[in-house]
Amino acid sequence: MNERCRLPNRRGAIALQFSHANQWYRAHVGFFASGAPAELFLDAAKPDSTIDGFAADAAILISLLLQRGSSIAEIGHALRRTPNGTAASLIGATIDELAALERSP
């Protein structure tokens, strides 16, 4: 198993919003010094709901994968897609948002 990369005490971050399955989410993405995504915090629009808890847990798991060397592309490739190619879950939609960040200048 890869060792977890330590994050700098001070790091760049951005906030964004997106929707999936008619639900809105707020994401906060922190970055390694290289500019690669390193951590994710995710909240649903309805605080303390079941979907909010799921979103927070999903963000922790995505963060751990990123900090152990998994790439956004590698994570995205492993996730389920609908027949039209869109993300089948909140986790997939979140990874798609992170992939879009990597592609933007």
PDB file of N, CA and C in Angstrom:
ATOM      1  N   MET A   1       0.846  -1.177   0.000  1.00  0.00           N
ATOM      2  CA  MET A   1       0.000   0.000   0.000  1.00  0.00           C
ATOM      3  C   MET A   1       0.894   1.244   0.000  1.00  0.00           C
ATOM      4  N   ASN A   2       0.503   2.203  -0.791  1.00  0.00           N
ATOM      5  CA  ASN A   2       1.264   3.448  -0.853  1.00  0.00           C
ATOM      6  C   ASN A   2       1.147   4.211   0.455  1.00  0.00           C
ATOM      7  N   GLU A   3       2.250   4.867   0.815  1.00  0.00           N
ATOM      8  CA  GLU A   3       2.245   5.704   2.009  1.00  0.00           C
ATOM      9  C   GLU A   3       1.471   6.983   1.714  1.00  0.00           C
ATOM     10  N   ARG A   4       0.774   7.481   2.704  1.00  0.00           N
ATOM     11  CA  ARG A   4      -0.020   8.694   2.547  1.00  0.00           C
ATOM     12  C   ARG A   4       0.893   9.906   2.464  1.00  0.00           C
ATOM     13  N   CYS A   5       0.672  10.761   1.447  1.00  0.00           N
ATOM     14  CA  CYS A   5       1.458  11.990   1.267  1.00  0.00           C
ATOM     15  C   CYS A   5       0.995  13.037   2.263  1.00  0.00           C
ATOM     16  N   ARG A   6       1.954  13.643   2.926  1.00  0.00           N
ATOM     17  CA  ARG A   6       1.637  14.714   3.870  1.00  0.00           C
ATOM     18  C   ARG A   6       1.303  15.984   3.104  1.00  0.00           C
ATOM     19  N   LEU A   7       0.249  16.651   3.537  1.00  0.00           N
ATOM     20  CA  LEU A   7      -0.163  17.898   2.911  1.00  0.00           C
ATOM     21  C   LEU A   7       0.569  19.061   3.567  1.00  0.00           C
ATOM     22  N   PRO A   8       0.897  20.086   2.788  1.00  0.00           N
ATOM     23  CA  PRO A   8       1.512  21.275   3.386  1.00  0.00           C
ATOM     24  C   PRO A   8       0.539  21.921   4.368  1.00  0.00           C
ATOM     25  N   ASN A   9       1.062  22.582   5.397  1.00  0.00           N
ATOM     26  CA  ASN A   9       0.198  23.257   6.364  1.00  0.00           C
ATOM     27  C   ASN A   9      -0.652  24.338   5.715  1.00  0.00           C
ATOM     28  N   ARG A  10      -0.092  25.029   4.749  1.00  0.00           N
ATOM     29  CA  ARG A  10      -0.823  26.041   3.990  1.00  0.00           C
ATOM     30  C   ARG A  10      -0.858  25.567   2.548  1.00  0.00           C
ATOM     31  N   ARG A  11      -2.056  25.541   1.957  1.00  0.00           N
ATOM     32  CA  ARG A  11      -2.187  25.044   0.591  1.00  0.00           C
ATOM     33  C   ARG A  11      -3.311  25.779  -0.126  1.00  0.00           C
ATOM     34  N   GLY A  12      -3.170  25.848  -1.429  1.00  0.00           N
ATOM     35  CA  GLY A  12      -4.196  26.466  -2.247  1.00  0.00           C
ATOM     36  C   GLY A  12      -5.469  25.644  -2.219  1.00  0.00           C
ATOM     37  N   ALA A  13      -6.578  26.312  -2.383  1.00  0.00           N
ATOM     38  CA  ALA A  13      -7.865  25.629  -2.393  1.00  0.00           C
ATOM     39  C   ALA A  13      -8.869  26.448  -3.191  1.00  0.00           C
ATOM     40  N   ILE A  14      -9.889  25.773  -3.667  1.00  0.00           N
ATOM     41  CA  ILE A  14     -10.986  26.456  -4.348  1.00  0.00           C
ATOM     42  C   ILE A  14     -12.306  25.878  -3.842  1.00  0.00           C
ATOM     43  N   ALA A  15     -13.353  26.641  -4.016  1.00  0.00           N
ATOM     44  CA  ALA A  15     -14.700  26.196  -3.677  1.00  0.00           C
ATOM     45  C   ALA A  15     -15.524  26.169  -4.957  1.00  0.00           C
ATOM     46  N   LEU A  16     -16.418  25.203  -5.053  1.00  0.00           N
ATOM     47  CA  LEU A  16     -17.286  25.122  -6.213  1.00  0.00           C
ATOM     48  C   LEU A  16     -18.602  24.484  -5.829  1.00  0.00           C
ATOM     49  N   GLN A  17     -19.595  24.637  -6.695  1.00  0.00           N
ATOM     50  CA  GLN A  17     -20.899  24.016  -6.518  1.00  0.00           C
ATOM     51  C   GLN A  17     -21.205  23.208  -7.764  1.00  0.00           C
ATOM     52  N   PHE A  18     -21.932  22.115  -7.579  1.00  0.00           N
ATOM     53  CA  PHE A  18     -22.396  21.327  -8.714  1.00  0.00           C
ATOM     54  C   PHE A  18     -23.633  20.552  -8.300  1.00  0.00           C
ATOM     55  N   SER A  19     -24.334  20.028  -9.295  1.00  0.00           N
ATOM     56  CA  SER A  19     -25.523  19.239  -8.992  1.00  0.00           C
ATOM     57  C   SER A  19     -25.375  17.841  -9.558  1.00  0.00           C
ATOM     58  N   HIS A  20     -26.042  16.915  -8.910  1.00  0.00           N
ATOM     59  CA  HIS A  20     -26.129  15.533  -9.387  1.00  0.00           C
ATOM     60  C   HIS A  20     -27.456  14.982  -8.888  1.00  0.00           C
ATOM     61  N   ALA A  21     -28.203  14.342  -9.783  1.00  0.00           N
ATOM     62  CA  ALA A  21     -29.489  13.728  -9.447  1.00  0.00           C
ATOM     63  C   ALA A  21     -30.414  14.718  -8.720  1.00  0.00           C
ATOM     64  N   ASN A  22     -30.500  15.928  -9.257  1.00  0.00           N
ATOM     65  CA  ASN A  22     -31.380  16.978  -8.733  1.00  0.00           C
ATOM     66  C   ASN A  22     -31.050  17.411  -7.297  1.00  0.00           C
ATOM     67  N   GLN A  23     -29.816  17.211  -6.878  1.00  0.00           N
ATOM     68  CA  GLN A  23     -29.332  17.664  -5.568  1.00  0.00           C
ATOM     69  C   GLN A  23     -28.130  18.578  -5.785  1.00  0.00           C
ATOM     70  N   TRP A  24     -28.023  19.635  -4.996  1.00  0.00           N
ATOM     71  CA  TRP A  24     -26.890  20.541  -5.081  1.00  0.00           C
ATOM     72  C   TRP A  24     -25.864  20.197  -4.007  1.00  0.00           C
ATOM     73  N   TYR A  25     -24.567  20.360  -4.372  1.00  0.00           N
ATOM     74  CA  TYR A  25     -23.455  20.071  -3.464  1.00  0.00           C
ATOM     75  C   TYR A  25     -22.466  21.213  -3.504  1.00  0.00           C
ATOM     76  N   ARG A  26     -21.808  21.440  -2.364  1.00  0.00           N
ATOM     77  CA  ARG A  26     -20.712  22.406  -2.258  1.00  0.00           C
ATOM     78  C   ARG A  26     -19.433  21.617  -2.007  1.00  0.00           C
ATOM     79  N   ALA A  27     -18.417  21.929  -2.778  1.00  0.00           N
ATOM     80  CA  ALA A  27     -17.133  21.239  -2.630  1.00  0.00           C
ATOM     81  C   ALA A  27     -16.039  22.255  -2.333  1.00  0.00           C
ATOM     82  N   HIS A  28     -15.098  21.838  -1.534  1.00  0.00           N
ATOM     83  CA  HIS A  28     -13.896  22.615  -1.236  1.00  0.00           C
ATOM     84  C   HIS A  28     -12.735  21.677  -1.557  1.00  0.00           C
ATOM     85  N   VAL A  29     -11.889  22.079  -2.496  1.00  0.00           N
ATOM     86  CA  VAL A  29     -10.795  21.234  -2.970  1.00  0.00           C
ATOM     87  C   VAL A  29      -9.466  21.876  -2.604  1.00  0.00           C
ATOM     88  N   GLY A  30      -8.632  21.126  -1.883  1.00  0.00           N
ATOM     89  CA  GLY A  30      -7.286  21.565  -1.533  1.00  0.00           C
ATOM     90  C   GLY A  30      -6.280  20.882  -2.445  1.00  0.00           C
ATOM     91  N   PHE A  31      -5.138  21.512  -2.659  1.00  0.00           N
ATOM     92  CA  PHE A  31      -4.166  21.033  -3.643  1.00  0.00           C
ATOM     93  C   PHE A  31      -2.789  20.788  -3.040  1.00  0.00           C
ATOM     94  N   PHE A  32      -2.085  19.809  -3.616  1.00  0.00           N
ATOM     95  CA  PHE A  32      -0.673  19.614  -3.326  1.00  0.00           C
ATOM     96  C   PHE A  32       0.098  20.788  -3.917  1.00  0.00           C
ATOM     97  N   ALA A  33       1.343  20.964  -3.528  1.00  0.00           N
ATOM     98  CA  ALA A  33       2.183  22.036  -4.072  1.00  0.00           C
ATOM     99  C   ALA A  33       2.312  21.918  -5.594  1.00  0.00           C
ATOM    100  N   SER A  34       2.217  20.700  -6.126  1.00  0.00           N
ATOM    101  CA  SER A  34       2.312  20.466  -7.574  1.00  0.00           C
ATOM    102  C   SER A  34       1.091  20.972  -8.330  1.00  0.00           C
ATOM    103  N   GLY A  35       0.010  21.280  -7.610  1.00  0.00           N
ATOM    104  CA  GLY A  35      -1.225  21.717  -8.242  1.00  0.00           C
ATOM    105  C   GLY A  35      -2.244  20.603  -8.408  1.00  0.00           C
ATOM    106  N   ALA A  36      -1.879  19.378  -8.070  1.00  0.00           N
ATOM    107  CA  ALA A  36      -2.805  18.243  -8.161  1.00  0.00           C
ATOM    108  C   ALA A  36      -3.762  18.255  -6.978  1.00  0.00           C
ATOM    109  N   PRO A  37      -5.024  17.868  -7.195  1.00  0.00           N
ATOM    110  CA  PRO A  37      -5.969  17.802  -6.076  1.00  0.00           C
ATOM    111  C   PRO A  37      -5.478  16.861  -4.981  1.00  0.00           C
ATOM    112  N   ALA A  38      -5.638  17.274  -3.729  1.00  0.00           N
ATOM    113  CA  ALA A  38      -5.117  16.499  -2.602  1.00  0.00           C
ATOM    114  C   ALA A  38      -6.174  16.168  -1.555  1.00  0.00           C
ATOM    115  N   GLU A  39      -7.192  17.007  -1.446  1.00  0.00           N
ATOM    116  CA  GLU A  39      -8.217  16.768  -0.442  1.00  0.00           C
ATOM    117  C   GLU A  39      -9.528  17.359  -0.913  1.00  0.00           C
ATOM    118  N   LEU A  40     -10.593  16.809  -0.370  1.00  0.00           N
ATOM    119  CA  LEU A  40     -11.921  17.232  -0.775  1.00  0.00           C
ATOM    120  C   LEU A  40     -12.829  17.266   0.447  1.00  0.00           C
ATOM    121  N   PHE A  41     -13.604  18.324   0.547  1.00  0.00           N
ATOM    122  CA  PHE A  41     -14.673  18.433   1.531  1.00  0.00           C
ATOM    123  C   PHE A  41     -15.949  18.632   0.730  1.00  0.00           C
ATOM    124  N   LEU A  42     -16.992  17.897   1.072  1.00  0.00           N
ATOM    125  CA  LEU A  42     -18.213  17.918   0.271  1.00  0.00           C
ATOM    126  C   LEU A  42     -19.427  17.977   1.190  1.00  0.00           C
ATOM    127  N   ASP A  43     -20.328  18.910   0.907  1.00  0.00           N
ATOM    128  CA  ASP A  43     -21.557  19.085   1.686  1.00  0.00           C
ATOM    129  C   ASP A  43     -22.750  19.112   0.747  1.00  0.00           C
ATOM    130  N   ALA A  44     -23.848  18.509   1.184  1.00  0.00           N
ATOM    131  CA  ALA A  44     -25.103  18.603   0.449  1.00  0.00           C
ATOM    132  C   ALA A  44     -25.816  19.889   0.847  1.00  0.00           C
ATOM    133  N   ALA A  45     -26.762  20.302   0.027  1.00  0.00           N
ATOM    134  CA  ALA A  45     -27.492  21.540   0.298  1.00  0.00           C
ATOM    135  C   ALA A  45     -28.311  21.451   1.582  1.00  0.00           C
ATOM    136  N   LYS A  46     -28.729  20.249   1.944  1.00  0.00           N
ATOM    137  CA  LYS A  46     -29.521  20.075   3.175  1.00  0.00           C
ATOM    138  C   LYS A  46     -28.612  19.526   4.270  1.00  0.00           C
ATOM    139  N   PRO A  47     -28.151  20.387   5.196  1.00  0.00           N
ATOM    140  CA  PRO A  47     -27.235  19.949   6.254  1.00  0.00           C
ATOM    141  C   PRO A  47     -27.831  18.835   7.118  1.00  0.00           C
ATOM    142  N   ASP A  48     -26.969  17.965   7.598  1.00  0.00           N
ATOM    143  CA  ASP A  48     -27.325  16.888   8.515  1.00  0.00           C
ATOM    144  C   ASP A  48     -28.329  15.881   7.959  1.00  0.00           C
ATOM    145  N   SER A  49     -28.472  15.845   6.651  1.00  0.00           N
ATOM    146  CA  SER A  49     -29.333  14.848   6.022  1.00  0.00           C
ATOM    147  C   SER A  49     -28.509  13.592   5.720  1.00  0.00           C
ATOM    148  N   THR A  50     -29.183  12.530   5.348  1.00  0.00           N
ATOM    149  CA  THR A  50     -28.488  11.295   4.976  1.00  0.00           C
ATOM    150  C   THR A  50     -27.539  11.540   3.807  1.00  0.00           C
ATOM    151  N   ILE A  51     -27.994  12.286   2.805  1.00  0.00           N
ATOM    152  CA  ILE A  51     -27.147  12.543   1.634  1.00  0.00           C
ATOM    153  C   ILE A  51     -25.951  13.421   2.013  1.00  0.00           C
ATOM    154  N   ASP A  52     -26.116  14.291   2.981  1.00  0.00           N
ATOM    155  CA  ASP A  52     -25.001  15.115   3.450  1.00  0.00           C
ATOM    156  C   ASP A  52     -23.942  14.239   4.117  1.00  0.00           C
ATOM    157  N   GLY A  53     -24.376  13.282   4.923  1.00  0.00           N
ATOM    158  CA  GLY A  53     -23.434  12.345   5.546  1.00  0.00           C
ATOM    159  C   GLY A  53     -22.721  11.495   4.504  1.00  0.00           C
ATOM    160  N   PHE A  54     -23.461  11.036   3.508  1.00  0.00           N
ATOM    161  CA  PHE A  54     -22.861  10.254   2.433  1.00  0.00           C
ATOM    162  C   PHE A  54     -21.831  11.087   1.676  1.00  0.00           C
ATOM    163  N   ALA A  55     -22.167  12.343   1.390  1.00  0.00           N
ATOM    164  CA  ALA A  55     -21.248  13.230   0.665  1.00  0.00           C
ATOM    165  C   ALA A  55     -19.963  13.446   1.449  1.00  0.00           C
ATOM    166  N   ALA A  56     -20.081  13.693   2.744  1.00  0.00           N
ATOM    167  CA  ALA A  56     -18.899  13.907   3.580  1.00  0.00           C
ATOM    168  C   ALA A  56     -18.020  12.658   3.621  1.00  0.00           C
ATOM    169  N   ASP A  57     -18.643  11.495   3.776  1.00  0.00           N
ATOM    170  CA  ASP A  57     -17.871  10.245   3.789  1.00  0.00           C
ATOM    171  C   ASP A  57     -17.208   9.976   2.442  1.00  0.00           C
ATOM    172  N   ALA A  58     -17.916  10.251   1.360  1.00  0.00           N
ATOM    173  CA  ALA A  58     -17.342  10.059   0.020  1.00  0.00           C
ATOM    174  C   ALA A  58     -16.112  10.950  -0.164  1.00  0.00           C
ATOM    175  N   ALA A  59     -16.203  12.180   0.323  1.00  0.00           N
ATOM    176  CA  ALA A  59     -15.076  13.106   0.203  1.00  0.00           C
ATOM    177  C   ALA A  59     -13.859  12.605   0.969  1.00  0.00           C
ATOM    178  N   ILE A  60     -14.083  12.033   2.138  1.00  0.00           N
ATOM    179  CA  ILE A  60     -12.964  11.490   2.913  1.00  0.00           C
ATOM    180  C   ILE A  60     -12.288  10.363   2.147  1.00  0.00           C
ATOM    181  N   LEU A  61     -13.078   9.471   1.583  1.00  0.00           N
ATOM    182  CA  LEU A  61     -12.498   8.353   0.832  1.00  0.00           C
ATOM    183  C   LEU A  61     -11.748   8.831  -0.412  1.00  0.00           C
ATOM    184  N   ILE A  62     -12.311   9.798  -1.130  1.00  0.00           N
ATOM    185  CA  ILE A  62     -11.622  10.353  -2.294  1.00  0.00           C
ATOM    186  C   ILE A  62     -10.315  11.004  -1.856  1.00  0.00           C
ATOM    187  N   SER A  63     -10.339  11.760  -0.768  1.00  0.00           N
ATOM    188  CA  SER A  63      -9.120  12.409  -0.257  1.00  0.00           C
ATOM    189  C   SER A  63      -8.045  11.379   0.071  1.00  0.00           C
ATOM    190  N   LEU A  64      -8.431  10.306   0.748  1.00  0.00           N
ATOM    191  CA  LEU A  64      -7.455   9.269   1.093  1.00  0.00           C
ATOM    192  C   LEU A  64      -6.853   8.628  -0.156  1.00  0.00           C
ATOM    193  N   LEU A  65      -7.674   8.382  -1.165  1.00  0.00           N
ATOM    194  CA  LEU A  65      -7.141   7.828  -2.415  1.00  0.00           C
ATOM    195  C   LEU A  65      -6.145   8.786  -3.065  1.00  0.00           C
ATOM    196  N   LEU A  66      -6.494  10.077  -3.119  1.00  0.00           N
ATOM    197  CA  LEU A  66      -5.592  11.065  -3.720  1.00  0.00           C
ATOM    198  C   LEU A  66      -4.284  11.163  -2.947  1.00  0.00           C
ATOM    199  N   GLN A  67      -4.362  11.121  -1.625  1.00  0.00           N
ATOM    200  CA  GLN A  67      -3.167  11.256  -0.800  1.00  0.00           C
ATOM    201  C   GLN A  67      -2.303  10.001  -0.813  1.00  0.00           C
ATOM    202  N   ARG A  68      -2.816   8.924  -1.325  1.00  0.00           N
ATOM    203  CA  ARG A  68      -2.040   7.683  -1.457  1.00  0.00           C
ATOM    204  C   ARG A  68      -1.602   7.443  -2.896  1.00  0.00           C
ATOM    205  N   GLY A  69      -1.747   8.465  -3.743  1.00  0.00           N
ATOM    206  CA  GLY A  69      -1.183   8.401  -5.081  1.00  0.00           C
ATOM    207  C   GLY A  69      -2.121   8.036  -6.210  1.00  0.00           C
ATOM    208  N   SER A  70      -3.404   7.801  -5.936  1.00  0.00           N
ATOM    209  CA  SER A  70      -4.344   7.518  -7.026  1.00  0.00           C
ATOM    210  C   SER A  70      -4.619   8.800  -7.797  1.00  0.00           C
ATOM    211  N   SER A  71      -4.725   8.691  -9.092  1.00  0.00           N
ATOM    212  CA  SER A  71      -5.037   9.858  -9.913  1.00  0.00           C
ATOM    213  C   SER A  71      -6.547   9.981 -10.079  1.00  0.00           C
ATOM    214  N   ILE A  72      -6.985  11.172 -10.446  1.00  0.00           N
ATOM    215  CA  ILE A  72      -8.398  11.401 -10.729  1.00  0.00           C
ATOM    216  C   ILE A  72      -8.849  10.471 -11.851  1.00  0.00           C
ATOM    217  N   ALA A  73      -8.031  10.341 -12.901  1.00  0.00           N
ATOM    218  CA  ALA A  73      -8.385   9.476 -14.026  1.00  0.00           C
ATOM    219  C   ALA A  73      -8.519   8.022 -13.589  1.00  0.00           C
ATOM    220  N   GLU A  74      -7.616   7.561 -12.741  1.00  0.00           N
ATOM    221  CA  GLU A  74      -7.656   6.180 -12.258  1.00  0.00           C
ATOM    222  C   GLU A  74      -8.923   5.928 -11.435  1.00  0.00           C
ATOM    223  N   ILE A  75      -9.263   6.851 -10.559  1.00  0.00           N
ATOM    224  CA  ILE A  75     -10.469   6.706  -9.750  1.00  0.00           C
ATOM    225  C   ILE A  75     -11.700   6.719 -10.661  1.00  0.00           C
ATOM    226  N   GLY A  76     -11.750   7.681 -11.564  1.00  0.00           N
ATOM    227  CA  GLY A  76     -12.893   7.802 -12.473  1.00  0.00           C
ATOM    228  C   GLY A  76     -13.104   6.583 -13.342  1.00  0.00           C
ATOM    229  N   HIS A  77     -12.017   5.985 -13.784  1.00  0.00           N
ATOM    230  CA  HIS A  77     -12.109   4.800 -14.639  1.00  0.00           C
ATOM    231  C   HIS A  77     -12.748   3.619 -13.903  1.00  0.00           C
ATOM    232  N   ALA A  78     -12.567   3.561 -12.597  1.00  0.00           N
ATOM    233  CA  ALA A  78     -13.068   2.438 -11.806  1.00  0.00           C
ATOM    234  C   ALA A  78     -14.550   2.569 -11.442  1.00  0.00           C
ATOM    235  N   LEU A  79     -15.140   3.735 -11.642  1.00  0.00           N
ATOM    236  CA  LEU A  79     -16.503   3.984 -11.192  1.00  0.00           C
ATOM    237  C   LEU A  79     -17.537   3.672 -12.266  1.00  0.00           C
ATOM    238  N   ARG A  80     -18.737   3.388 -11.810  1.00  0.00           N
ATOM    239  CA  ARG A  80     -19.846   3.035 -12.695  1.00  0.00           C
ATOM    240  C   ARG A  80     -20.359   4.255 -13.451  1.00  0.00           C
ATOM    241  N   ARG A  81     -20.776   4.021 -14.696  1.00  0.00           N
ATOM    242  CA  ARG A  81     -21.347   5.046 -15.557  1.00  0.00           C
ATOM    243  C   ARG A  81     -22.730   4.608 -16.025  1.00  0.00           C
ATOM    244  N   THR A  82     -23.587   5.566 -16.337  1.00  0.00           N
ATOM    245  CA  THR A  82     -24.880   5.251 -16.926  1.00  0.00           C
ATOM    246  C   THR A  82     -24.650   4.907 -18.395  1.00  0.00           C
ATOM    247  N   PRO A  83     -25.647   4.348 -19.079  1.00  0.00           N
ATOM    248  CA  PRO A  83     -25.469   4.021 -20.497  1.00  0.00           C
ATOM    249  C   PRO A  83     -25.057   5.216 -21.372  1.00  0.00           C
ATOM    250  N   ASN A  84     -25.447   6.442 -20.974  1.00  0.00           N
ATOM    251  CA  ASN A  84     -25.046   7.606 -21.779  1.00  0.00           C
ATOM    252  C   ASN A  84     -23.684   8.173 -21.374  1.00  0.00           C
ATOM    253  N   GLY A  85     -23.005   7.513 -20.415  1.00  0.00           N
ATOM    254  CA  GLY A  85     -21.650   7.911 -20.044  1.00  0.00           C
ATOM    255  C   GLY A  85     -21.540   8.860 -18.870  1.00  0.00           C
ATOM    256  N   THR A  86     -22.671   9.319 -18.336  1.00  0.00           N
ATOM    257  CA  THR A  86     -22.609  10.219 -17.187  1.00  0.00           C
ATOM    258  C   THR A  86     -22.382   9.418 -15.904  1.00  0.00           C
ATOM    259  N   ALA A  87     -21.989  10.115 -14.872  1.00  0.00           N
ATOM    260  CA  ALA A  87     -21.722   9.477 -13.578  1.00  0.00           C
ATOM    261  C   ALA A  87     -23.001   8.851 -13.023  1.00  0.00           C
ATOM    262  N   ALA A  88     -22.873   7.633 -12.516  1.00  0.00           N
ATOM    263  CA  ALA A  88     -24.027   6.938 -11.940  1.00  0.00           C
ATOM    264  C   ALA A  88     -24.241   7.280 -10.472  1.00  0.00           C
ATOM    265  N   SER A  89     -23.274   7.934  -9.846  1.00  0.00           N
ATOM    266  CA  SER A  89     -23.387   8.224  -8.416  1.00  0.00           C
ATOM    267  C   SER A  89     -22.793   9.592  -8.096  1.00  0.00           C
ATOM    268  N   LEU A  90     -23.025  10.003  -6.870  1.00  0.00           N
ATOM    269  CA  LEU A  90     -22.427  11.248  -6.384  1.00  0.00           C
ATOM    270  C   LEU A  90     -20.905  11.183  -6.450  1.00  0.00           C
ATOM    271  N   ILE A  91     -20.336  10.041  -6.129  1.00  0.00           N
ATOM    272  CA  ILE A  91     -18.871   9.909  -6.158  1.00  0.00           C
ATOM    273  C   ILE A  91     -18.362  10.129  -7.583  1.00  0.00           C
ATOM    274  N   GLY A  92     -19.016   9.513  -8.544  1.00  0.00           N
ATOM    275  CA  GLY A  92     -18.614   9.705  -9.938  1.00  0.00           C
ATOM    276  C   GLY A  92     -18.768  11.145 -10.386  1.00  0.00           C
ATOM    277  N   ALA A  93     -19.862  11.784  -9.990  1.00  0.00           N
ATOM    278  CA  ALA A  93     -20.076  13.186 -10.361  1.00  0.00           C
ATOM    279  C   ALA A  93     -19.002  14.082  -9.745  1.00  0.00           C
ATOM    280  N   THR A  94     -18.610  13.781  -8.520  1.00  0.00           N
ATOM    281  CA  THR A  94     -17.551  14.548  -7.856  1.00  0.00           C
ATOM    282  C   THR A  94     -16.227  14.368  -8.576  1.00  0.00           C
ATOM    283  N   ILE A  95     -15.911  13.138  -8.942  1.00  0.00           N
ATOM    284  CA  ILE A  95     -14.673  12.879  -9.686  1.00  0.00           C
ATOM    285  C   ILE A  95     -14.698  13.600 -11.031  1.00  0.00           C
ATOM    286  N   ASP A  96     -15.854  13.636 -11.691  1.00  0.00           N
ATOM    287  CA  ASP A  96     -15.966  14.372 -12.958  1.00  0.00           C
ATOM    288  C   ASP A  96     -15.693  15.859 -12.748  1.00  0.00           C
ATOM    289  N   GLU A  97     -16.162  16.414 -11.641  1.00  0.00           N
ATOM    290  CA  GLU A  97     -15.884  17.823 -11.332  1.00  0.00           C
ATOM    291  C   GLU A  97     -14.383  18.040 -11.109  1.00  0.00           C
ATOM    292  N   LEU A  98     -13.736  17.129 -10.396  1.00  0.00           N
ATOM    293  CA  LEU A  98     -12.286  17.240 -10.171  1.00  0.00           C
ATOM    294  C   LEU A  98     -11.519  17.091 -11.478  1.00  0.00           C
ATOM    295  N   ALA A  99     -11.978  16.208 -12.349  1.00  0.00           N
ATOM    296  CA  ALA A  99     -11.318  16.027 -13.652  1.00  0.00           C
ATOM    297  C   ALA A  99     -11.445  17.302 -14.481  1.00  0.00           C
ATOM    298  N   ALA A 100     -12.591  17.954 -14.412  1.00  0.00           N
ATOM    299  CA  ALA A 100     -12.772  19.217 -15.145  1.00  0.00           C
ATOM    300  C   ALA A 100     -11.825  20.289 -14.608  1.00  0.00           C
ATOM    301  N   LEU A 101     -11.586  20.289 -13.297  1.00  0.00           N
ATOM    302  CA  LEU A 101     -10.630  21.243 -12.723  1.00  0.00           C
ATOM    303  C   LEU A 101      -9.224  20.998 -13.265  1.00  0.00           C
ATOM    304  N   GLU A 102      -8.852  19.725 -13.376  1.00  0.00           N
ATOM    305  CA  GLU A 102      -7.517  19.408 -13.889  1.00  0.00           C
ATOM    306  C   GLU A 102      -7.334  19.855 -15.328  1.00  0.00           C
ATOM    307  N   ARG A 103      -8.412  19.814 -16.108  1.00  0.00           N
ATOM    308  CA  ARG A 103      -8.329  20.196 -17.526  1.00  0.00           C
ATOM    309  C   ARG A 103      -8.353  21.695 -17.735  1.00  0.00           C
ATOM    310  N   SER A 104      -8.877  22.447 -16.751  1.00  0.00           N
ATOM    311  CA  SER A 104      -8.979  23.900 -16.928  1.00  0.00           C
ATOM    312  C   SER A 104      -7.625  24.556 -16.677  1.00  0.00           C
ATOM    313  N   PRO A 105      -7.372  25.661 -17.375  1.00  0.00           N
ATOM    314  CA  PRO A 105      -6.056  26.324 -17.216  1.00  0.00           C
ATOM    315  C   PRO A 105      -5.875  26.989 -15.883  1.00  0.00           C
TER     316      PRO A 105
END
